[in-house]
Every structure is written in structure tokens, then in C-alpha cells.
Amino acid sequence: MIYRELRRRARRIIGPTLTCCVAGYFCYHMVAGKHGTIAWSEMSKELVGEKAKLTALQAEQQRLERHVKLLRPPYLCADLLDEQARKVLGLSGPNEIIVLHNPSR
């Protein structure tokens, strides 16, 4: 008699209990899982930072492209060419003063 009553109550409790456990499992992973809302917000913050880096790199690329354009024959800038040649070859003119710069200080 007691055994039958326990079985009947267990059948009534097991279904909702398992449903709550499964729902809790999915809710937890929806919030804190690998692809959950917390991970999504962190990736959004990271995306903003990476977009800022991309903008800075694009500006640097444009600056370098303008610099290279000035070194090509149709747009050749004599001052820029002279500056680059002196920098690469380590040369200076007889009437120039050289100031050494130590960036570590």
C-alpha cells in the first residue's frame, strides 16, 4: 500500500523535476555558456577595441602610401628623397650639425 502511494507520487514529481532541470540547464548555458549573453557582451567590447585598432592602422597605411607616392618618379619630392637617402646611407653634409637622440632616456 505505501509502496503504491510512493510510486504514484514519484511519477507525478519526476516529470516536472526533470523539466525544471533541463530548463535550468539551458537557461544557465544561455547566460553563462560559451555562446551566451556574457560571452556576447565581452566579444562586443573586444570588437570595439579591434575596430579602433583597425582605424588607426588604416590611417597609418594611408600615411605610408602618401609617403611612398612622393618617392615615385612622377611625384618625386627631392627633399624627401634626400632625407631617405641620408637616413639609409648614414650620410651628412659638410655644413650640417648632427644631434644624437637617445630614445631610452
PDB file of N, CA and C in Angstrom:
ATOM      1  N   MET A   1       0.820  -1.186   0.000  1.00  0.00           N
ATOM      2  CA  MET A   1       0.000   0.000   0.000  1.00  0.00           C
ATOM      3  C   MET A   1       0.873   1.264   0.000  1.00  0.00           C
ATOM      4  N   ILE A   2       1.822   1.352   0.895  1.00  0.00           N
ATOM      5  CA  ILE A   2       2.715   2.517   0.965  1.00  0.00           C
ATOM      6  C   ILE A   2       3.578   2.567  -0.292  1.00  0.00           C
ATOM      7  N   TYR A   3       3.963   1.396  -0.747  1.00  0.00           N
ATOM      8  CA  TYR A   3       4.788   1.316  -1.946  1.00  0.00           C
ATOM      9  C   TYR A   3       4.041   1.888  -3.156  1.00  0.00           C
ATOM     10  N   ARG A   4       2.778   1.560  -3.300  1.00  0.00           N
ATOM     11  CA  ARG A   4       1.971   2.059  -4.410  1.00  0.00           C
ATOM     12  C   ARG A   4       1.815   3.577  -4.328  1.00  0.00           C
ATOM     13  N   GLU A   5       1.615   4.076  -3.132  1.00  0.00           N
ATOM     14  CA  GLU A   5       1.458   5.524  -2.945  1.00  0.00           C
ATOM     15  C   GLU A   5       2.760   6.257  -3.302  1.00  0.00           C
ATOM     16  N   LEU A   6       3.882   5.701  -2.869  1.00  0.00           N
ATOM     17  CA  LEU A   6       5.177   6.303  -3.201  1.00  0.00           C
ATOM     18  C   LEU A   6       5.420   6.293  -4.716  1.00  0.00           C
ATOM     19  N   ARG A   7       5.086   5.236  -5.378  1.00  0.00           N
ATOM     20  CA  ARG A   7       5.243   5.150  -6.828  1.00  0.00           C
ATOM     21  C   ARG A   7       4.368   6.170  -7.538  1.00  0.00           C
ATOM     22  N   ARG A   8       3.164   6.325  -7.085  1.00  0.00           N
ATOM     23  CA  ARG A   8       2.233   7.274  -7.699  1.00  0.00           C
ATOM     24  C   ARG A   8       2.746   8.703  -7.536  1.00  0.00           C
ATOM     25  N   ARG A   9       3.221   9.041  -6.347  1.00  0.00           N
ATOM     26  CA  ARG A   9       3.750  10.390  -6.096  1.00  0.00           C
ATOM     27  C   ARG A   9       5.047  10.624  -6.877  1.00  0.00           C
ATOM     28  N   ALA A  10       5.854   9.599  -6.955  1.00  0.00           N
ATOM     29  CA  ALA A  10       7.129   9.731  -7.687  1.00  0.00           C
ATOM     30  C   ALA A  10       6.863  10.008  -9.168  1.00  0.00           C
ATOM     31  N   ARG A  11       5.859   9.339  -9.730  1.00  0.00           N
ATOM     32  CA  ARG A  11       5.525   9.578 -11.141  1.00  0.00           C
ATOM     33  C   ARG A  11       5.054  11.016 -11.356  1.00  0.00           C
ATOM     34  N   ARG A  12       4.358  11.551 -10.389  1.00  0.00           N
ATOM     35  CA  ARG A  12       3.873  12.933 -10.510  1.00  0.00           C
ATOM     36  C   ARG A  12       5.011  13.951 -10.345  1.00  0.00           C
ATOM     37  N   ILE A  13       6.017  13.616  -9.593  1.00  0.00           N
ATOM     38  CA  ILE A  13       7.104  14.549  -9.295  1.00  0.00           C
ATOM     39  C   ILE A  13       8.230  14.476 -10.333  1.00  0.00           C
ATOM     40  N   ILE A  14       8.490  13.296 -10.865  1.00  0.00           N
ATOM     41  CA  ILE A  14       9.632  13.112 -11.773  1.00  0.00           C
ATOM     42  C   ILE A  14       9.506  13.965 -13.034  1.00  0.00           C
ATOM     43  N   GLY A  15       8.378  14.037 -13.657  1.00  0.00           N
ATOM     44  CA  GLY A  15       8.192  14.810 -14.892  1.00  0.00           C
ATOM     45  C   GLY A  15       8.513  16.284 -14.707  1.00  0.00           C
ATOM     46  N   PRO A  16       7.850  16.969 -13.770  1.00  0.00           N
ATOM     47  CA  PRO A  16       8.161  18.386 -13.577  1.00  0.00           C
ATOM     48  C   PRO A  16       9.590  18.627 -13.105  1.00  0.00           C
ATOM     49  N   THR A  17      10.128  17.718 -12.289  1.00  0.00           N
ATOM     50  CA  THR A  17      11.500  17.872 -11.803  1.00  0.00           C
ATOM     51  C   THR A  17      12.493  17.803 -12.965  1.00  0.00           C
ATOM     52  N   LEU A  18      12.322  16.813 -13.830  1.00  0.00           N
ATOM     53  CA  LEU A  18      13.216  16.699 -14.994  1.00  0.00           C
ATOM     54  C   LEU A  18      13.051  17.894 -15.929  1.00  0.00           C
ATOM     55  N   THR A  19      11.833  18.347 -16.102  1.00  0.00           N
ATOM     56  CA  THR A  19      11.597  19.521 -16.945  1.00  0.00           C
ATOM     57  C   THR A  19      12.303  20.747 -16.378  1.00  0.00           C
ATOM     58  N   CYS A  20      12.208  20.942 -15.069  1.00  0.00           N
ATOM     59  CA  CYS A  20      12.895  22.077 -14.433  1.00  0.00           C
ATOM     60  C   CYS A  20      14.400  21.955 -14.561  1.00  0.00           C
ATOM     61  N   CYS A  21      14.927  20.758 -14.404  1.00  0.00           N
ATOM     62  CA  CYS A  21      16.381  20.555 -14.537  1.00  0.00           C
ATOM     63  C   CYS A  21      16.851  20.861 -15.954  1.00  0.00           C
ATOM     64  N   VAL A  22      16.132  20.362 -16.950  1.00  0.00           N
ATOM     65  CA  VAL A  22      16.515  20.601 -18.339  1.00  0.00           C
ATOM     66  C   VAL A  22      16.395  22.096 -18.659  1.00  0.00           C
ATOM     67  N   ALA A  23      15.321  22.735 -18.209  1.00  0.00           N
ATOM     68  CA  ALA A  23      15.150  24.167 -18.454  1.00  0.00           C
ATOM     69  C   ALA A  23      16.248  24.963 -17.756  1.00  0.00           C
ATOM     70  N   GLY A  24      16.592  24.601 -16.539  1.00  0.00           N
ATOM     71  CA  GLY A  24      17.672  25.268 -15.813  1.00  0.00           C
ATOM     72  C   GLY A  24      19.006  25.107 -16.526  1.00  0.00           C
ATOM     73  N   TYR A  25      19.268  23.919 -17.048  1.00  0.00           N
ATOM     74  CA  TYR A  25      20.499  23.658 -17.788  1.00  0.00           C
ATOM     75  C   TYR A  25      20.607  24.600 -19.002  1.00  0.00           C
ATOM     76  N   PHE A  26      19.537  24.680 -19.784  1.00  0.00           N
ATOM     77  CA  PHE A  26      19.561  25.527 -20.974  1.00  0.00           C
ATOM     78  C   PHE A  26      19.619  27.013 -20.613  1.00  0.00           C
ATOM     79  N   CYS A  27      18.937  27.407 -19.560  1.00  0.00           N
ATOM     80  CA  CYS A  27      18.986  28.815 -19.133  1.00  0.00           C
ATOM     81  C   CYS A  27      20.390  29.201 -18.684  1.00  0.00           C
ATOM     82  N   TYR A  28      21.042  28.309 -17.932  1.00  0.00           N
ATOM     83  CA  TYR A  28      22.404  28.590 -17.484  1.00  0.00           C
ATOM     84  C   TYR A  28      23.324  28.790 -18.691  1.00  0.00           C
ATOM     85  N   HIS A  29      23.254  27.879 -19.649  1.00  0.00           N
ATOM     86  CA  HIS A  29      24.140  27.982 -20.811  1.00  0.00           C
ATOM     87  C   HIS A  29      23.748  29.138 -21.726  1.00  0.00           C
ATOM     88  N   MET A  30      22.497  29.565 -21.686  1.00  0.00           N
ATOM     89  CA  MET A  30      22.090  30.727 -22.469  1.00  0.00           C
ATOM     90  C   MET A  30      22.741  31.999 -21.914  1.00  0.00           C
ATOM     91  N   VAL A  31      22.955  32.026 -20.603  1.00  0.00           N
ATOM     92  CA  VAL A  31      23.544  33.205 -19.972  1.00  0.00           C
ATOM     93  C   VAL A  31      25.064  33.082 -19.867  1.00  0.00           C
ATOM     94  N   ALA A  32      25.558  31.995 -19.312  1.00  0.00           N
ATOM     95  CA  ALA A  32      26.975  31.891 -18.980  1.00  0.00           C
ATOM     96  C   ALA A  32      27.750  30.921 -19.863  1.00  0.00           C
ATOM     97  N   GLY A  33      27.144  30.384 -20.883  1.00  0.00           N
ATOM     98  CA  GLY A  33      27.826  29.408 -21.730  1.00  0.00           C
ATOM     99  C   GLY A  33      28.807  30.044 -22.696  1.00  0.00           C
ATOM    100  N   LYS A  34      29.407  29.186 -23.503  1.00  0.00           N
ATOM    101  CA  LYS A  34      30.413  29.627 -24.475  1.00  0.00           C
ATOM    102  C   LYS A  34      29.841  30.642 -25.467  1.00  0.00           C
ATOM    103  N   HIS A  35      28.578  30.489 -25.812  1.00  0.00           N
ATOM    104  CA  HIS A  35      27.931  31.395 -26.760  1.00  0.00           C
ATOM    105  C   HIS A  35      26.797  32.173 -26.084  1.00  0.00           C
ATOM    106  N   GLY A  36      26.881  32.352 -24.785  1.00  0.00           N
ATOM    107  CA  GLY A  36      25.828  33.019 -24.021  1.00  0.00           C
ATOM    108  C   GLY A  36      25.925  34.531 -24.065  1.00  0.00           C
ATOM    109  N   THR A  37      25.046  35.158 -23.286  1.00  0.00           N
ATOM    110  CA  THR A  37      24.978  36.621 -23.309  1.00  0.00           C
ATOM    111  C   THR A  37      26.218  37.275 -22.695  1.00  0.00           C
ATOM    112  N   ILE A  38      26.814  36.643 -21.697  1.00  0.00           N
ATOM    113  CA  ILE A  38      28.034  37.206 -21.092  1.00  0.00           C
ATOM    114  C   ILE A  38      29.175  37.181 -22.113  1.00  0.00           C
ATOM    115  N   ALA A  39      29.328  36.047 -22.794  1.00  0.00           N
ATOM    116  CA  ALA A  39      30.375  35.949 -23.817  1.00  0.00           C
ATOM    117  C   ALA A  39      30.103  36.929 -24.961  1.00  0.00           C
ATOM    118  N   TRP A  40      28.837  37.116 -25.300  1.00  0.00           N
ATOM    119  CA  TRP A  40      28.478  38.043 -26.366  1.00  0.00           C
ATOM    120  C   TRP A  40      28.861  39.472 -26.001  1.00  0.00           C
ATOM    121  N   SER A  41      28.600  39.873 -24.747  1.00  0.00           N
ATOM    122  CA  SER A  41      28.945  41.241 -24.340  1.00  0.00           C
ATOM    123  C   SER A  41      30.464  41.441 -24.309  1.00  0.00           C
ATOM    124  N   GLU A  42      31.204  40.432 -23.877  1.00  0.00           N
ATOM    125  CA  GLU A  42      32.669  40.535 -23.882  1.00  0.00           C
ATOM    126  C   GLU A  42      33.206  40.639 -25.305  1.00  0.00           C
ATOM    127  N   MET A  43      32.629  39.868 -26.212  1.00  0.00           N
ATOM    128  CA  MET A  43      33.079  39.930 -27.602  1.00  0.00           C
ATOM    129  C   MET A  43      32.704  41.273 -28.230  1.00  0.00           C
ATOM    130  N   SER A  44      31.598  41.858 -27.810  1.00  0.00           N
ATOM    131  CA  SER A  44      31.219  43.182 -28.327  1.00  0.00           C
ATOM    132  C   SER A  44      32.232  44.230 -27.896  1.00  0.00           C
ATOM    133  N   LYS A  45      32.669  44.155 -26.635  1.00  0.00           N
ATOM    134  CA  LYS A  45      33.687  45.092 -26.154  1.00  0.00           C
ATOM    135  C   LYS A  45      34.993  44.898 -26.908  1.00  0.00           C
ATOM    136  N   GLU A  46      35.362  43.656 -27.140  1.00  0.00           N
ATOM    137  CA  GLU A  46      36.591  43.357 -27.870  1.00  0.00           C
ATOM    138  C   GLU A  46      36.494  43.863 -29.309  1.00  0.00           C
ATOM    139  N   LEU A  47      35.314  43.749 -29.902  1.00  0.00           N
ATOM    140  CA  LEU A  47      35.108  44.219 -31.261  1.00  0.00           C
ATOM    141  C   LEU A  47      35.302  45.726 -31.369  1.00  0.00           C
ATOM    142  N   VAL A  48      34.844  46.468 -30.382  1.00  0.00           N
ATOM    143  CA  VAL A  48      35.015  47.922 -30.378  1.00  0.00           C
ATOM    144  C   VAL A  48      36.505  48.268 -30.344  1.00  0.00           C
ATOM    145  N   GLY A  49      37.259  47.571 -29.491  1.00  0.00           N
ATOM    146  CA  GLY A  49      38.702  47.806 -29.414  1.00  0.00           C
ATOM    147  C   GLY A  49      39.409  47.470 -30.717  1.00  0.00           C
ATOM    148  N   GLU A  50      39.008  46.369 -31.333  1.00  0.00           N
ATOM    149  CA  GLU A  50      39.638  45.967 -32.588  1.00  0.00           C
ATOM    150  C   GLU A  50      39.288  46.928 -33.722  1.00  0.00           C
ATOM    151  N   LYS A  51      38.079  47.475 -33.699  1.00  0.00           N
ATOM    152  CA  LYS A  51      37.714  48.469 -34.716  1.00  0.00           C
ATOM    153  C   LYS A  51      38.560  49.732 -34.567  1.00  0.00           C
ATOM    154  N   ALA A  52      38.852  50.116 -33.324  1.00  0.00           N
ATOM    155  CA  ALA A  52      39.707  51.287 -33.097  1.00  0.00           C
ATOM    156  C   ALA A  52      41.121  51.014 -33.625  1.00  0.00           C
ATOM    157  N   LYS A  53      41.621  49.801 -33.384  1.00  0.00           N
ATOM    158  CA  LYS A  53      42.941  49.440 -33.913  1.00  0.00           C
ATOM    159  C   LYS A  53      42.934  49.465 -35.439  1.00  0.00           C
ATOM    160  N   LEU A  54      41.849  48.961 -36.034  1.00  0.00           N
ATOM    161  CA  LEU A  54      41.749  48.949 -37.488  1.00  0.00           C
ATOM    162  C   LEU A  54      41.770  50.359 -38.052  1.00  0.00           C
ATOM    163  N   THR A  55      41.062  51.266 -37.419  1.00  0.00           N
ATOM    164  CA  THR A  55      41.035  52.657 -37.870  1.00  0.00           C
ATOM    165  C   THR A  55      42.434  53.269 -37.795  1.00  0.00           C
ATOM    166  N   ALA A  56      43.139  53.002 -36.703  1.00  0.00           N
ATOM    167  CA  ALA A  56      44.499  53.528 -36.551  1.00  0.00           C
ATOM    168  C   ALA A  56      45.433  52.938 -37.608  1.00  0.00           C
ATOM    169  N   LEU A  57      45.295  51.652 -37.875  1.00  0.00           N
ATOM    170  CA  LEU A  57      46.146  51.024 -38.885  1.00  0.00           C
ATOM    171  C   LEU A  57      45.826  51.529 -40.290  1.00  0.00           C
ATOM    172  N   GLN A  58      44.558  51.787 -40.561  1.00  0.00           N
ATOM    173  CA  GLN A  58      44.203  52.325 -41.870  1.00  0.00           C
ATOM    174  C   GLN A  58      44.773  53.728 -42.055  1.00  0.00           C
ATOM    175  N   ALA A  59      44.750  54.528 -40.996  1.00  0.00           N
ATOM    176  CA  ALA A  59      45.337  55.869 -41.076  1.00  0.00           C
ATOM    177  C   ALA A  59      46.848  55.776 -41.310  1.00  0.00           C
ATOM    178  N   GLU A  60      47.490  54.858 -40.622  1.00  0.00           N
ATOM    179  CA  GLU A  60      48.935  54.656 -40.812  1.00  0.00           C
ATOM    180  C   GLU A  60      49.232  54.194 -42.234  1.00  0.00           C
ATOM    181  N   GLN A  61      48.390  53.298 -42.757  1.00  0.00           N
ATOM    182  CA  GLN A  61      48.578  52.823 -44.123  1.00  0.00           C
ATOM    183  C   GLN A  61      48.435  53.965 -45.127  1.00  0.00           C
ATOM    184  N   GLN A  62      47.455  54.817 -44.941  1.00  0.00           N
ATOM    185  CA  GLN A  62      47.274  55.952 -45.842  1.00  0.00           C
ATOM    186  C   GLN A  62      48.472  56.905 -45.778  1.00  0.00           C
ATOM    187  N   ARG A  63      48.992  57.116 -44.560  1.00  0.00           N
ATOM    188  CA  ARG A  63      50.158  57.985 -44.403  1.00  0.00           C
ATOM    189  C   ARG A  63      51.351  57.395 -45.152  1.00  0.00           C
ATOM    190  N   LEU A  64      51.562  56.091 -45.001  1.00  0.00           N
ATOM    191  CA  LEU A  64      52.686  55.447 -45.683  1.00  0.00           C
ATOM    192  C   LEU A  64      52.500  55.447 -47.198  1.00  0.00           C
ATOM    193  N   GLU A  65      51.265  55.260 -47.652  1.00  0.00           N
ATOM    194  CA  GLU A  65      51.019  55.294 -49.095  1.00  0.00           C
ATOM    195  C   GLU A  65      51.317  56.674 -49.674  1.00  0.00           C
ATOM    196  N   ARG A  66      50.951  57.734 -48.945  1.00  0.00           N
ATOM    197  CA  ARG A  66      51.279  59.095 -49.410  1.00  0.00           C
ATOM    198  C   ARG A  66      52.788  59.288 -49.450  1.00  0.00           C
ATOM    199  N   HIS A  67      53.464  58.750 -48.432  1.00  0.00           N
ATOM    200  CA  HIS A  67      54.920  58.865 -48.353  1.00  0.00           C
ATOM    201  C   HIS A  67      55.569  58.153 -49.544  1.00  0.00           C
ATOM    202  N   VAL A  68      55.100  56.957 -49.846  1.00  0.00           N
ATOM    203  CA  VAL A  68      55.657  56.194 -50.967  1.00  0.00           C
ATOM    204  C   VAL A  68      55.332  56.872 -52.291  1.00  0.00           C
ATOM    205  N   LYS A  69      54.147  57.441 -52.393  1.00  0.00           N
ATOM    206  CA  LYS A  69      53.750  58.125 -53.628  1.00  0.00           C
ATOM    207  C   LYS A  69      54.710  59.273 -53.947  1.00  0.00           C
ATOM    208  N   LEU A  70      55.198  59.946 -52.908  1.00  0.00           N
ATOM    209  CA  LEU A  70      56.134  61.052 -53.122  1.00  0.00           C
ATOM    210  C   LEU A  70      57.501  60.569 -53.594  1.00  0.00           C
ATOM    211  N   LEU A  71      57.790  59.291 -53.440  1.00  0.00           N
ATOM    212  CA  LEU A  71      59.077  58.759 -53.872  1.00  0.00           C
ATOM    213  C   LEU A  71      59.025  58.177 -55.282  1.00  0.00           C
ATOM    214  N   ARG A  72      57.863  58.133 -55.911  1.00  0.00           N
ATOM    215  CA  ARG A  72      57.729  57.602 -57.267  1.00  0.00           C
ATOM    216  C   ARG A  72      58.084  58.704 -58.273  1.00  0.00           C
ATOM    217  N   PRO A  73      58.587  58.322 -59.441  1.00  0.00           N
ATOM    218  CA  PRO A  73      59.084  59.301 -60.421  1.00  0.00           C
ATOM    219  C   PRO A  73      58.129  60.440 -60.787  1.00  0.00           C
ATOM    220  N   PRO A  74      56.839  60.207 -61.057  1.00  0.00           N
ATOM    221  CA  PRO A  74      56.020  61.362 -61.460  1.00  0.00           C
ATOM    222  C   PRO A  74      55.838  62.408 -60.350  1.00  0.00           C
ATOM    223  N   TYR A  75      55.913  61.986 -59.092  1.00  0.00           N
ATOM    224  CA  TYR A  75      55.668  62.894 -57.975  1.00  0.00           C
ATOM    225  C   TYR A  75      56.920  63.101 -57.125  1.00  0.00           C
ATOM    226  N   LEU A  76      58.076  62.824 -57.663  1.00  0.00           N
ATOM    227  CA  LEU A  76      59.303  62.793 -56.878  1.00  0.00           C
ATOM    228  C   LEU A  76      59.552  64.095 -56.135  1.00  0.00           C
ATOM    229  N   CYS A  77      59.686  63.981 -54.825  1.00  0.00           N
ATOM    230  CA  CYS A  77      59.978  65.127 -53.970  1.00  0.00           C
ATOM    231  C   CYS A  77      61.471  65.048 -53.620  1.00  0.00           C
ATOM    232  N   ALA A  78      62.243  66.009 -54.063  1.00  0.00           N
ATOM    233  CA  ALA A  78      63.696  65.980 -53.887  1.00  0.00           C
ATOM    234  C   ALA A  78      64.086  65.985 -52.408  1.00  0.00           C
ATOM    235  N   ASP A  79      63.378  66.766 -51.610  1.00  0.00           N
ATOM    236  CA  ASP A  79      63.709  66.820 -50.178  1.00  0.00           C
ATOM    237  C   ASP A  79      63.481  65.469 -49.504  1.00  0.00           C
ATOM    238  N   LEU A  80      62.371  64.831 -49.830  1.00  0.00           N
ATOM    239  CA  LEU A  80      62.070  63.537 -49.226  1.00  0.00           C
ATOM    240  C   LEU A  80      63.060  62.483 -49.686  1.00  0.00           C
ATOM    241  N   LEU A  81      63.413  62.502 -50.954  1.00  0.00           N
ATOM    242  CA  LEU A  81      64.395  61.560 -51.484  1.00  0.00           C
ATOM    243  C   LEU A  81      65.741  61.760 -50.799  1.00  0.00           C
ATOM    244  N   ASP A  82      66.163  63.006 -50.635  1.00  0.00           N
ATOM    245  CA  ASP A  82      67.423  63.315 -49.966  1.00  0.00           C
ATOM    246  C   ASP A  82      67.392  62.830 -48.518  1.00  0.00           C
ATOM    247  N   GLU A  83      66.285  63.078 -47.838  1.00  0.00           N
ATOM    248  CA  GLU A  83      66.148  62.651 -46.441  1.00  0.00           C
ATOM    249  C   GLU A  83      66.250  61.128 -46.315  1.00  0.00           C
ATOM    250  N   GLN A  84      65.557  60.421 -47.193  1.00  0.00           N
ATOM    251  CA  GLN A  84      65.591  58.954 -47.145  1.00  0.00           C
ATOM    252  C   GLN A  84      66.983  58.417 -47.465  1.00  0.00           C
ATOM    253  N   ALA A  85      67.636  58.995 -48.457  1.00  0.00           N
ATOM    254  CA  ALA A  85      68.980  58.538 -48.825  1.00  0.00           C
ATOM    255  C   ALA A  85      69.953  58.754 -47.675  1.00  0.00           C
ATOM    256  N   ARG A  86      69.888  59.903 -47.029  1.00  0.00           N
ATOM    257  CA  ARG A  86      70.777  60.173 -45.895  1.00  0.00           C
ATOM    258  C   ARG A  86      70.500  59.230 -44.730  1.00  0.00           C
ATOM    259  N   LYS A  87      69.218  58.947 -44.502  1.00  0.00           N
ATOM    260  CA  LYS A  87      68.853  58.060 -43.393  1.00  0.00           C
ATOM    261  C   LYS A  87      69.365  56.649 -43.645  1.00  0.00           C
ATOM    262  N   VAL A  88      69.180  56.161 -44.869  1.00  0.00           N
ATOM    263  CA  VAL A  88      69.582  54.791 -45.194  1.00  0.00           C
ATOM    264  C   VAL A  88      71.095  54.652 -45.256  1.00  0.00           C
ATOM    265  N   LEU A  89      71.762  55.607 -45.877  1.00  0.00           N
ATOM    266  CA  LEU A  89      73.207  55.514 -46.062  1.00  0.00           C
ATOM    267  C   LEU A  89      74.003  56.058 -44.879  1.00  0.00           C
ATOM    268  N   GLY A  90      73.343  56.791 -43.991  1.00  0.00           N
ATOM    269  CA  GLY A  90      74.034  57.349 -42.834  1.00  0.00           C
ATOM    270  C   GLY A  90      74.962  58.488 -43.203  1.00  0.00           C
ATOM    271  N   LEU A  91      74.604  59.281 -44.181  1.00  0.00           N
ATOM    272  CA  LEU A  91      75.447  60.374 -44.653  1.00  0.00           C
ATOM    273  C   LEU A  91      74.954  61.713 -44.120  1.00  0.00           C
ATOM    274  N   SER A  92      75.870  62.677 -44.122  1.00  0.00           N
ATOM    275  CA  SER A  92      75.502  64.050 -43.754  1.00  0.00           C
ATOM    276  C   SER A  92      76.362  65.006 -44.575  1.00  0.00           C
ATOM    277  N   GLY A  93      75.890  66.229 -44.694  1.00  0.00           N
ATOM    278  CA  GLY A  93      76.605  67.226 -45.462  1.00  0.00           C
ATOM    279  C   GLY A  93      77.720  67.859 -44.641  1.00  0.00           C
ATOM    280  N   PRO A  94      78.673  68.553 -45.287  1.00  0.00           N
ATOM    281  CA  PRO A  94      79.800  69.149 -44.563  1.00  0.00           C
ATOM    282  C   PRO A  94      79.398  70.309 -43.650  1.00  0.00           C
ATOM    283  N   ASN A  95      78.294  70.967 -43.931  1.00  0.00           N
ATOM    284  CA  ASN A  95      77.898  72.108 -43.105  1.00  0.00           C
ATOM    285  C   ASN A  95      76.690  71.787 -42.215  1.00  0.00           C
ATOM    286  N   GLU A  96      76.430  70.514 -41.957  1.00  0.00           N
ATOM    287  CA  GLU A  96      75.288  70.102 -41.132  1.00  0.00           C
ATOM    288  C   GLU A  96      75.745  69.762 -39.721  1.00  0.00           C
ATOM    289  N   ILE A  97      74.883  70.037 -38.773  1.00  0.00           N
ATOM    290  CA  ILE A  97      75.151  69.683 -37.374  1.00  0.00           C
ATOM    291  C   ILE A  97      74.326  68.434 -37.059  1.00  0.00           C
ATOM    292  N   ILE A  98      74.954  67.438 -36.480  1.00  0.00           N
ATOM    293  CA  ILE A  98      74.276  66.182 -36.157  1.00  0.00           C
ATOM    294  C   ILE A  98      73.958  66.182 -34.660  1.00  0.00           C
ATOM    295  N   VAL A  99      72.698  65.951 -34.352  1.00  0.00           N
ATOM    296  CA  VAL A  99      72.252  65.871 -32.952  1.00  0.00           C
ATOM    297  C   VAL A  99      71.847  64.430 -32.698  1.00  0.00           C
ATOM    298  N   LEU A 100      72.534  63.779 -31.779  1.00  0.00           N
ATOM    299  CA  LEU A 100      72.214  62.386 -31.469  1.00  0.00           C
ATOM    300  C   LEU A 100      71.082  62.345 -30.459  1.00  0.00           C
ATOM    301  N   HIS A 101      70.155  61.462 -30.682  1.00  0.00           N
ATOM    302  CA  HIS A 101      68.971  61.354 -29.816  1.00  0.00           C
ATOM    303  C   HIS A 101      68.968  59.952 -29.211  1.00  0.00           C
ATOM    304  N   ASN A 102      68.891  59.872 -27.901  1.00  0.00           N
ATOM    305  CA  ASN A 102      68.818  58.591 -27.197  1.00  0.00           C
ATOM    306  C   ASN A 102      67.383  58.369 -26.720  1.00  0.00           C
ATOM    307  N   PRO A 103      66.603  57.533 -27.413  1.00  0.00           N
ATOM    308  CA  PRO A 103      65.195  57.373 -27.070  1.00  0.00           C
ATOM    309  C   PRO A 103      64.964  56.641 -25.752  1.00  0.00           C
ATOM    310  N   SER A 104      65.974  55.987 -25.189  1.00  0.00           N
ATOM    311  CA  SER A 104      65.775  55.250 -23.931  1.00  0.00           C
ATOM    312  C   SER A 104      65.679  56.165 -22.726  1.00  0.00           C
ATOM    313  N   ARG A 105      66.105  57.419 -22.831  1.00  0.00           N
ATOM    314  CA  ARG A 105      66.044  58.347 -21.683  1.00  0.00           C
ATOM    315  C   ARG A 105      64.753  59.059 -21.619  1.00  0.00           C
TER     316      ARG A 105
END
